[in-house]
C-alpha atoms as a PDB file:
ATOM      1  CA  UNK A   1      48.496   2.462  40.247  1.00  0.00           C
ATOM      2  CA  UNK A   2      51.610   4.548  40.627  1.00  0.00           C
ATOM      3  CA  UNK A   3      53.120   6.392  37.672  1.00  0.00           C
ATOM      4  CA  UNK A   4      56.517   7.888  36.964  1.00  0.00           C
ATOM      5  CA  UNK A   5      56.722  10.710  34.388  1.00  0.00           C
ATOM      6  CA  UNK A   6      53.136   9.903  33.440  1.00  0.00           C
ATOM      7  CA  UNK A   7      53.770   6.224  32.620  1.00  0.00           C
ATOM      8  CA  UNK A   8      52.884   3.091  34.578  1.00  0.00           C
ATOM      9  CA  UNK A   9      55.318   0.211  35.119  1.00  0.00           C
ATOM     10  CA  UNK A  10      53.655  -1.677  32.261  1.00  0.00           C
ATOM     11  CA  UNK A  11      54.110   1.282  29.922  1.00  0.00           C
ATOM     12  CA  UNK A  12      57.780   1.739  30.903  1.00  0.00           C
ATOM     13  CA  UNK A  13      58.271  -1.981  30.259  1.00  0.00           C
ATOM     14  CA  UNK A  14      57.100  -1.442  26.671  1.00  0.00           C
ATOM     15  CA  UNK A  15      60.337   0.494  26.138  1.00  0.00           C
ATOM     16  CA  UNK A  16      62.892  -0.976  28.564  1.00  0.00           C
ATOM     17  CA  UNK A  17      63.751  -4.243  30.300  1.00  0.00           C
ATOM     18  CA  UNK A  18      66.213  -5.082  33.052  1.00  0.00           C
ATOM     19  CA  UNK A  19      68.685  -7.751  31.985  1.00  0.00           C
ATOM     20  CA  UNK A  20      70.126 -10.421  34.249  1.00  0.00           C
ATOM     21  CA  UNK A  21      73.445  -8.574  34.249  1.00  0.00           C
ATOM     22  CA  UNK A  22      71.736  -5.513  35.754  1.00  0.00           C
ATOM     23  CA  UNK A  23      71.682  -3.333  32.644  1.00  0.00           C
ATOM     24  CA  UNK A  24      68.731  -1.336  31.403  1.00  0.00           C
ATOM     25  CA  UNK A  25      68.164  -2.453  27.814  1.00  0.00           C
ATOM     26  CA  UNK A  26      65.838  -1.470  24.987  1.00  0.00           C
ATOM     27  CA  UNK A  27      62.992  -3.993  25.002  1.00  0.00           C
ATOM     28  CA  UNK A  28      63.396  -6.297  21.967  1.00  0.00           C
ATOM     29  CA  UNK A  29      59.678  -7.183  22.260  1.00  0.00           C
ATOM     30  CA  UNK A  30      58.511  -3.570  22.145  1.00  0.00           C
ATOM     31  CA  UNK A  31      54.900  -3.400  20.922  1.00  0.00           C
ATOM     32  CA  UNK A  32      54.314  -2.094  17.420  1.00  0.00           C
ATOM     33  CA  UNK A  33      51.782   0.482  18.618  1.00  0.00           C
ATOM     34  CA  UNK A  34      54.587   2.435  20.340  1.00  0.00           C
ATOM     35  CA  UNK A  35      56.163   3.361  16.990  1.00  0.00           C
ATOM     36  CA  UNK A  36      54.998   6.344  14.950  1.00  0.00           C
ATOM     37  CA  UNK A  37      55.918   4.843  11.572  1.00  0.00           C
ATOM     38  CA  UNK A  38      57.025   1.606   9.971  1.00  0.00           C
ATOM     39  CA  UNK A  39      60.430   3.212   9.345  1.00  0.00           C
ATOM     40  CA  UNK A  40      60.816   3.938  13.071  1.00  0.00           C
ATOM     41  CA  UNK A  41      59.940   0.304  13.818  1.00  0.00           C
ATOM     42  CA  UNK A  42      62.590  -0.975  11.379  1.00  0.00           C
ATOM     43  CA  UNK A  43      65.208   1.515  12.617  1.00  0.00           C
ATOM     44  CA  UNK A  44      64.636   0.449  16.229  1.00  0.00           C
ATOM     45  CA  UNK A  45      65.028  -3.245  15.439  1.00  0.00           C
ATOM     46  CA  UNK A  46      68.149  -2.581  13.367  1.00  0.00           C
ATOM     47  CA  UNK A  47      69.924  -0.249  15.798  1.00  0.00           C
ATOM     48  CA  UNK A  48      68.547  -0.528  19.333  1.00  0.00           C
ATOM     49  CA  UNK A  49      66.606  -3.734  19.995  1.00  0.00           C
ATOM     50  CA  UNK A  50      68.104  -5.484  23.043  1.00  0.00           C
ATOM     51  CA  UNK A  51      70.994  -3.021  23.300  1.00  0.00           C
ATOM     52  CA  UNK A  52      71.902  -1.294  26.582  1.00  0.00           C
ATOM     53  CA  UNK A  53      70.508   2.205  27.012  1.00  0.00           C
ATOM     54  CA  UNK A  54      73.314   4.681  26.372  1.00  0.00           C
ATOM     55  CA  UNK A  55      74.504   7.146  28.983  1.00  0.00           C
ATOM     56  CA  UNK A  56      73.379  10.630  28.096  1.00  0.00           C
ATOM     57  CA  UNK A  57      73.529  12.777  31.213  1.00  0.00           C
ATOM     58  CA  UNK A  58      71.650  16.011  31.677  1.00  0.00           C
ATOM     59  CA  UNK A  59      73.347  19.184  32.935  1.00  0.00           C
ATOM     60  CA  UNK A  60      73.228  17.823  36.502  1.00  0.00           C
ATOM     61  CA  UNK A  61      74.915  14.527  35.613  1.00  0.00           C
ATOM     62  CA  UNK A  62      71.855  12.248  35.710  1.00  0.00           C
ATOM     63  CA  UNK A  63      71.495   9.656  32.947  1.00  0.00           C
ATOM     64  CA  UNK A  64      68.125   9.984  31.231  1.00  0.00           C
ATOM     65  CA  UNK A  65      65.645   7.764  29.405  1.00  0.00           C
ATOM     66  CA  UNK A  66      63.688   9.476  26.630  1.00  0.00           C
ATOM     67  CA  UNK A  67      61.001   7.266  25.090  1.00  0.00           C
ATOM     68  CA  UNK A  68      58.448   8.767  22.718  1.00  0.00           C
ATOM     69  CA  UNK A  69      54.799   7.770  23.009  1.00  0.00           C
ATOM     70  CA  UNK A  70      52.028   9.193  20.829  1.00  0.00           C
ATOM     71  CA  UNK A  71      54.415  11.847  19.510  1.00  0.00           C
ATOM     72  CA  UNK A  72      55.258  13.085  23.003  1.00  0.00           C
ATOM     73  CA  UNK A  73      58.770  12.657  24.412  1.00  0.00           C
ATOM     74  CA  UNK A  74      58.772  11.390  27.991  1.00  0.00           C
ATOM     75  CA  UNK A  75      61.850  12.078  30.069  1.00  0.00           C
ATOM     76  CA  UNK A  76      62.773   9.971  33.078  1.00  0.00           C
ATOM     77  CA  UNK A  77      65.900   9.655  35.152  1.00  0.00           C
ATOM     78  CA  UNK A  78      67.394   6.253  34.441  1.00  0.00           C
ATOM     79  CA  UNK A  79      68.022   5.304  38.068  1.00  0.00           C
ATOM     80  CA  UNK A  80      64.343   5.927  38.869  1.00  0.00           C
ATOM     81  CA  UNK A  81      63.198   3.965  35.811  1.00  0.00           C
ATOM     82  CA  UNK A  82      65.355   1.013  36.929  1.00  0.00           C
ATOM     83  CA  UNK A  83      63.940   1.181  40.463  1.00  0.00           C
ATOM     84  CA  UNK A  84      60.381   1.536  39.152  1.00  0.00           C
ATOM     85  CA  UNK A  85      60.737  -1.440  36.778  1.00  0.00           C
ATOM     86  CA  UNK A  86      62.344  -3.599  39.459  1.00  0.00           C
ATOM     87  CA  UNK A  87      60.112  -2.758  42.429  1.00  0.00           C
ATOM     88  CA  UNK A  88      56.920  -1.416  40.793  1.00  0.00           C
ATOM     89  CA  UNK A  89      56.822   1.649  43.028  1.00  0.00           C
ATOM     90  CA  UNK A  90      58.929   4.694  43.895  1.00  0.00           C
ATOM     91  CA  UNK A  91      59.920   5.758  47.394  1.00  0.00           C
ATOM     92  CA  UNK A  92      58.165   8.882  48.586  1.00  0.00           C
END
């Protein structure tokens, strides 16, 4: 099973979904085990659930995704996350 930034497609889909309009959105059905605290769970559902992922480019201009899992921040380039979620693999 292929991984991107240490996560499988199923794990990326815990955090993000592709909407019918082609946007990468925060998964409104994100599993509870991906949150560190109850406060983080409530904050996510108040502020981010179902919302498009914001553009926050790095110094090279790439938009990034930064989910946190088990206290570790995972960084992925958004265009690769979209491809990975859509196709289930990354080109070599």
